[in-house]
């Protein structure tokens, strides 16, 4: 099964996915460790907030239909409505495409495991304590299927993806290996 984080890595840069999944490169950054601590504290604070509904935290799910698995930071359950929440330790205030697709992946995981239809999800940005609501559409689900296939192809074929030079390269953990 493809991990939801593989989808995010692929959308950041296909080469990054290649180095992690095909070459087995392990990457860690101090910011990642800080982010884990922030996740734990924010997750606890979500349960203390006056959010209508029940908060399910760190829910591991798998989808046979999509062939993906992942751990959703939180799910807000209101009657028959389920809303995935991803917590981001980020200074950015706008939604990135890879974050949206991460939420779409969480939405299909929730749909399959809770037998419901997910219409929206949230990104919670810890730095500004901002909530971004994201609509989940049928087109998003189709795009997700195509992305999953591209991720599978890179892993299965072990083919080194073409370079895509961008400003992101300056912040990438695998940039020193990328030629």
C-alpha atoms as a PDB file:
ATOM      1  CA  UNK A   1       0.000   0.000   0.000  1.00  0.00           C
ATOM      2  CA  UNK A   2       1.042   3.568  -0.694  1.00  0.00           C
ATOM      3  CA  UNK A   3       1.330   5.800   2.361  1.00  0.00           C
ATOM      4  CA  UNK A   4      -0.425   9.160   2.308  1.00  0.00           C
ATOM      5  CA  UNK A   5       2.947  10.733   3.086  1.00  0.00           C
ATOM      6  CA  UNK A   6       4.256   9.206  -0.193  1.00  0.00           C
ATOM      7  CA  UNK A   7       1.630  11.208  -2.071  1.00  0.00           C
ATOM      8  CA  UNK A   8       2.729  14.403  -0.310  1.00  0.00           C
ATOM      9  CA  UNK A   9       6.412  13.696  -1.039  1.00  0.00           C
ATOM     10  CA  UNK A  10       5.640  12.968  -4.710  1.00  0.00           C
ATOM     11  CA  UNK A  11       3.743  16.238  -5.086  1.00  0.00           C
ATOM     12  CA  UNK A  12       6.592  18.137  -3.439  1.00  0.00           C
ATOM     13  CA  UNK A  13       9.016  16.520  -5.889  1.00  0.00           C
ATOM     14  CA  UNK A  14       8.948  13.098  -7.589  1.00  0.00           C
ATOM     15  CA  UNK A  15      12.697  12.772  -7.022  1.00  0.00           C
ATOM     16  CA  UNK A  16      12.226  13.146  -3.282  1.00  0.00           C
ATOM     17  CA  UNK A  17       9.806  10.207  -3.369  1.00  0.00           C
ATOM     18  CA  UNK A  18      12.339   8.228  -5.422  1.00  0.00           C
ATOM     19  CA  UNK A  19      15.127   8.791  -2.888  1.00  0.00           C
ATOM     20  CA  UNK A  20      12.903   7.827   0.029  1.00  0.00           C
ATOM     21  CA  UNK A  21      11.001   4.849  -1.400  1.00  0.00           C
ATOM     22  CA  UNK A  22      13.355   3.397  -4.006  1.00  0.00           C
ATOM     23  CA  UNK A  23      16.763   4.259  -2.545  1.00  0.00           C
ATOM     24  CA  UNK A  24      15.623   3.873   1.087  1.00  0.00           C
ATOM     25  CA  UNK A  25      16.945   7.245   2.223  1.00  0.00           C
ATOM     26  CA  UNK A  26      15.832   8.192   5.743  1.00  0.00           C
ATOM     27  CA  UNK A  27      15.383  11.893   6.293  1.00  0.00           C
ATOM     28  CA  UNK A  28      14.946  13.786   9.532  1.00  0.00           C
ATOM     29  CA  UNK A  29      15.164  17.456  10.300  1.00  0.00           C
ATOM     30  CA  UNK A  30      14.957  19.254  13.646  1.00  0.00           C
ATOM     31  CA  UNK A  31      11.782  20.969  12.379  1.00  0.00           C
ATOM     32  CA  UNK A  32      10.168  17.525  11.968  1.00  0.00           C
ATOM     33  CA  UNK A  33      10.779  16.719  15.644  1.00  0.00           C
ATOM     34  CA  UNK A  34       9.388  20.081  16.731  1.00  0.00           C
ATOM     35  CA  UNK A  35       6.392  19.452  14.455  1.00  0.00           C
ATOM     36  CA  UNK A  36       5.694  16.117  16.188  1.00  0.00           C
ATOM     37  CA  UNK A  37       5.650  17.821  19.587  1.00  0.00           C
ATOM     38  CA  UNK A  38       3.348  20.553  18.278  1.00  0.00           C
ATOM     39  CA  UNK A  39       1.025  17.878  16.800  1.00  0.00           C
ATOM     40  CA  UNK A  40       0.690  16.211  20.193  1.00  0.00           C
ATOM     41  CA  UNK A  41      -0.067  19.468  21.999  1.00  0.00           C
ATOM     42  CA  UNK A  42      -2.497  20.717  19.336  1.00  0.00           C
ATOM     43  CA  UNK A  43      -4.252  17.354  19.238  1.00  0.00           C
ATOM     44  CA  UNK A  44      -4.838  17.594  22.983  1.00  0.00           C
ATOM     45  CA  UNK A  45      -6.048  21.177  22.680  1.00  0.00           C
ATOM     46  CA  UNK A  46      -8.517  20.214  19.933  1.00  0.00           C
ATOM     47  CA  UNK A  47     -10.348  18.030  22.413  1.00  0.00           C
ATOM     48  CA  UNK A  48     -10.538  20.969  24.859  1.00  0.00           C
ATOM     49  CA  UNK A  49     -11.901  23.405  22.257  1.00  0.00           C
ATOM     50  CA  UNK A  50     -15.587  23.958  21.839  1.00  0.00           C
ATOM     51  CA  UNK A  51     -15.769  22.030  18.597  1.00  0.00           C
ATOM     52  CA  UNK A  52     -19.204  20.660  17.952  1.00  0.00           C
ATOM     53  CA  UNK A  53     -18.927  16.882  17.809  1.00  0.00           C
ATOM     54  CA  UNK A  54     -16.512  14.202  18.935  1.00  0.00           C
ATOM     55  CA  UNK A  55     -12.776  14.450  18.154  1.00  0.00           C
ATOM     56  CA  UNK A  56     -11.030  11.242  17.132  1.00  0.00           C
ATOM     57  CA  UNK A  57      -7.237  11.650  17.286  1.00  0.00           C
ATOM     58  CA  UNK A  58      -4.461   9.906  15.347  1.00  0.00           C
ATOM     59  CA  UNK A  59      -6.694   7.485  13.480  1.00  0.00           C
ATOM     60  CA  UNK A  60      -4.825   4.910  11.371  1.00  0.00           C
ATOM     61  CA  UNK A  61      -6.820   3.856   8.296  1.00  0.00           C
ATOM     62  CA  UNK A  62      -6.362   1.753   5.155  1.00  0.00           C
ATOM     63  CA  UNK A  63      -8.237   1.768   1.855  1.00  0.00           C
ATOM     64  CA  UNK A  64      -8.350  -1.381  -0.256  1.00  0.00           C
ATOM     65  CA  UNK A  65     -10.066   0.509  -3.072  1.00  0.00           C
ATOM     66  CA  UNK A  66      -7.347   3.153  -3.382  1.00  0.00           C
ATOM     67  CA  UNK A  67      -4.469   1.043  -2.067  1.00  0.00           C
ATOM     68  CA  UNK A  68      -3.403   3.689   0.451  1.00  0.00           C
ATOM     69  CA  UNK A  69      -2.897   3.916   4.189  1.00  0.00           C
ATOM     70  CA  UNK A  70      -2.271   6.706   6.640  1.00  0.00           C
ATOM     71  CA  UNK A  71      -2.842   8.216  10.040  1.00  0.00           C
ATOM     72  CA  UNK A  72      -5.286  11.133  10.156  1.00  0.00           C
ATOM     73  CA  UNK A  73      -4.302  13.702  12.795  1.00  0.00           C
ATOM     74  CA  UNK A  74      -7.928  14.181  13.824  1.00  0.00           C
ATOM     75  CA  UNK A  75     -11.449  13.467  12.657  1.00  0.00           C
ATOM     76  CA  UNK A  76     -14.403  15.557  13.781  1.00  0.00           C
ATOM     77  CA  UNK A  77     -17.491  13.354  14.024  1.00  0.00           C
ATOM     78  CA  UNK A  78     -20.874  15.097  14.132  1.00  0.00           C
ATOM     79  CA  UNK A  79     -23.754  12.668  13.896  1.00  0.00           C
ATOM     80  CA  UNK A  80     -23.167  11.044  10.482  1.00  0.00           C
ATOM     81  CA  UNK A  81     -20.709  13.698   9.253  1.00  0.00           C
ATOM     82  CA  UNK A  82     -16.973  12.988   9.388  1.00  0.00           C
ATOM     83  CA  UNK A  83     -14.424  15.758   8.797  1.00  0.00           C
ATOM     84  CA  UNK A  84     -10.697  14.935   8.542  1.00  0.00           C
ATOM     85  CA  UNK A  85      -8.288  17.468  10.064  1.00  0.00           C
ATOM     86  CA  UNK A  86      -4.597  17.726   9.263  1.00  0.00           C
ATOM     87  CA  UNK A  87      -2.414  19.727  11.633  1.00  0.00           C
ATOM     88  CA  UNK A  88       0.441  21.652  10.029  1.00  0.00           C
ATOM     89  CA  UNK A  89       3.365  23.246  11.860  1.00  0.00           C
ATOM     90  CA  UNK A  90       3.865  25.930   9.242  1.00  0.00           C
ATOM     91  CA  UNK A  91       4.270  29.658   8.891  1.00  0.00           C
ATOM     92  CA  UNK A  92       2.418  29.591   5.572  1.00  0.00           C
ATOM     93  CA  UNK A  93      -1.170  30.799   5.501  1.00  0.00           C
ATOM     94  CA  UNK A  94      -2.398  29.406   2.203  1.00  0.00           C
ATOM     95  CA  UNK A  95      -3.278  25.935   1.035  1.00  0.00           C
ATOM     96  CA  UNK A  96      -0.709  24.054  -1.039  1.00  0.00           C
ATOM     97  CA  UNK A  97      -1.823  21.498  -3.621  1.00  0.00           C
ATOM     98  CA  UNK A  98       0.018  18.669  -1.842  1.00  0.00           C
ATOM     99  CA  UNK A  99      -1.815  19.525   1.374  1.00  0.00           C
ATOM    100  CA  UNK A 100      -5.133  19.452  -0.458  1.00  0.00           C
ATOM    101  CA  UNK A 101      -4.364  16.051  -1.969  1.00  0.00           C
ATOM    102  CA  UNK A 102      -3.317  14.819   1.469  1.00  0.00           C
ATOM    103  CA  UNK A 103      -6.760  15.824   2.729  1.00  0.00           C
ATOM    104  CA  UNK A 104      -8.428  14.146  -0.260  1.00  0.00           C
ATOM    105  CA  UNK A 105      -6.511  10.971   0.595  1.00  0.00           C
ATOM    106  CA  UNK A 106      -7.674  11.220   4.203  1.00  0.00           C
ATOM    107  CA  UNK A 107     -11.225  11.820   2.990  1.00  0.00           C
ATOM    108  CA  UNK A 108     -11.288   8.607   0.923  1.00  0.00           C
ATOM    109  CA  UNK A 109      -9.776   6.704   3.855  1.00  0.00           C
ATOM    110  CA  UNK A 110     -12.497   8.022   6.164  1.00  0.00           C
ATOM    111  CA  UNK A 111     -15.219   7.287   3.595  1.00  0.00           C
ATOM    112  CA  UNK A 112     -14.177   3.676   3.175  1.00  0.00           C
ATOM    113  CA  UNK A 113     -13.651   2.981   6.863  1.00  0.00           C
ATOM    114  CA  UNK A 114     -16.663   4.824   8.291  1.00  0.00           C
ATOM    115  CA  UNK A 115     -19.062   4.191   5.381  1.00  0.00           C
ATOM    116  CA  UNK A 116     -19.834   7.870   4.864  1.00  0.00           C
ATOM    117  CA  UNK A 117     -19.364  10.651   2.322  1.00  0.00           C
ATOM    118  CA  UNK A 118     -16.768  13.298   3.201  1.00  0.00           C
ATOM    119  CA  UNK A 119     -17.586  16.687   1.708  1.00  0.00           C
ATOM    120  CA  UNK A 120     -14.979  18.824   3.448  1.00  0.00           C
ATOM    121  CA  UNK A 121     -11.800  18.677   5.488  1.00  0.00           C
ATOM    122  CA  UNK A 122      -9.652  21.135   7.424  1.00  0.00           C
ATOM    123  CA  UNK A 123      -6.012  22.096   7.647  1.00  0.00           C
ATOM    124  CA  UNK A 124      -5.168  23.595  11.036  1.00  0.00           C
ATOM    125  CA  UNK A 125      -2.111  25.870  10.834  1.00  0.00           C
ATOM    126  CA  UNK A 126      -0.542  25.970  14.289  1.00  0.00           C
ATOM    127  CA  UNK A 127       1.600  29.079  13.820  1.00  0.00           C
ATOM    128  CA  UNK A 128      -1.331  31.419  13.188  1.00  0.00           C
ATOM    129  CA  UNK A 129      -4.005  29.159  14.696  1.00  0.00           C
ATOM    130  CA  UNK A 130      -5.814  29.361  11.355  1.00  0.00           C
ATOM    131  CA  UNK A 131      -8.326  26.870  10.010  1.00  0.00           C
ATOM    132  CA  UNK A 132      -8.558  26.351   6.260  1.00  0.00           C
ATOM    133  CA  UNK A 133     -11.682  24.591   5.052  1.00  0.00           C
ATOM    134  CA  UNK A 134     -11.185  22.440   1.957  1.00  0.00           C
ATOM    135  CA  UNK A 135     -14.022  21.160  -0.207  1.00  0.00           C
ATOM    136  CA  UNK A 136     -13.592  17.545  -1.370  1.00  0.00           C
ATOM    137  CA  UNK A 137     -14.955  17.073  -4.908  1.00  0.00           C
ATOM    138  CA  UNK A 138     -15.330  14.116  -7.289  1.00  0.00           C
ATOM    139  CA  UNK A 139     -12.638  15.735  -9.468  1.00  0.00           C
ATOM    140  CA  UNK A 140     -10.273  15.701  -6.469  1.00  0.00           C
ATOM    141  CA  UNK A 141     -10.859  11.962  -6.031  1.00  0.00           C
ATOM    142  CA  UNK A 142     -10.069  11.351  -9.724  1.00  0.00           C
ATOM    143  CA  UNK A 143      -6.890  13.434  -9.471  1.00  0.00           C
ATOM    144  CA  UNK A 144      -5.883  11.435  -6.400  1.00  0.00           C
ATOM    145  CA  UNK A 145      -6.221   8.155  -8.319  1.00  0.00           C
ATOM    146  CA  UNK A 146      -3.878   9.468 -11.046  1.00  0.00           C
ATOM    147  CA  UNK A 147      -1.341  10.633  -8.473  1.00  0.00           C
ATOM    148  CA  UNK A 148      -1.433   7.277  -6.674  1.00  0.00           C
ATOM    149  CA  UNK A 149      -0.734   5.546  -9.992  1.00  0.00           C
ATOM    150  CA  UNK A 150       2.261   7.816 -10.670  1.00  0.00           C
ATOM    151  CA  UNK A 151       3.622   7.095  -7.180  1.00  0.00           C
ATOM    152  CA  UNK A 152       3.207   3.351  -7.763  1.00  0.00           C
ATOM    153  CA  UNK A 153       4.954   3.625 -11.135  1.00  0.00           C
ATOM    154  CA  UNK A 154       8.022   5.340  -9.653  1.00  0.00           C
ATOM    155  CA  UNK A 155       8.304   2.728  -6.902  1.00  0.00           C
ATOM    156  CA  UNK A 156       7.637  -0.286  -9.142  1.00  0.00           C
ATOM    157  CA  UNK A 157       9.768   0.791 -12.104  1.00  0.00           C
ATOM    158  CA  UNK A 158      12.525   2.297  -9.938  1.00  0.00           C
ATOM    159  CA  UNK A 159      12.884   4.937 -12.633  1.00  0.00           C
ATOM    160  CA  UNK A 160      14.729   8.123 -11.678  1.00  0.00           C
ATOM    161  CA  UNK A 161      12.285  11.004 -12.306  1.00  0.00           C
ATOM    162  CA  UNK A 162      13.188  14.090 -14.317  1.00  0.00           C
ATOM    163  CA  UNK A 163      14.439  17.082 -12.360  1.00  0.00           C
ATOM    164  CA  UNK A 164      12.054  19.897 -11.601  1.00  0.00           C
ATOM    165  CA  UNK A 165      14.165  22.833 -10.433  1.00  0.00           C
ATOM    166  CA  UNK A 166      12.295  25.245  -8.205  1.00  0.00           C
ATOM    167  CA  UNK A 167      12.691  27.350  -5.081  1.00  0.00           C
ATOM    168  CA  UNK A 168      11.719  24.234  -3.104  1.00  0.00           C
ATOM    169  CA  UNK A 169      15.122  22.727  -3.946  1.00  0.00           C
ATOM    170  CA  UNK A 170      16.708  25.210  -1.492  1.00  0.00           C
ATOM    171  CA  UNK A 171      14.738  23.645   1.377  1.00  0.00           C
ATOM    172  CA  UNK A 172      14.722  20.009   0.293  1.00  0.00           C
ATOM    173  CA  UNK A 173      16.338  17.400   2.535  1.00  0.00           C
ATOM    174  CA  UNK A 174      17.524  15.365  -0.471  1.00  0.00           C
ATOM    175  CA  UNK A 175      18.857  18.225  -2.604  1.00  0.00           C
ATOM    176  CA  UNK A 176      22.475  17.234  -2.031  1.00  0.00           C
ATOM    177  CA  UNK A 177      21.799  13.832  -3.643  1.00  0.00           C
ATOM    178  CA  UNK A 178      19.819  15.223  -6.534  1.00  0.00           C
ATOM    179  CA  UNK A 179      21.832  15.630  -9.731  1.00  0.00           C
END
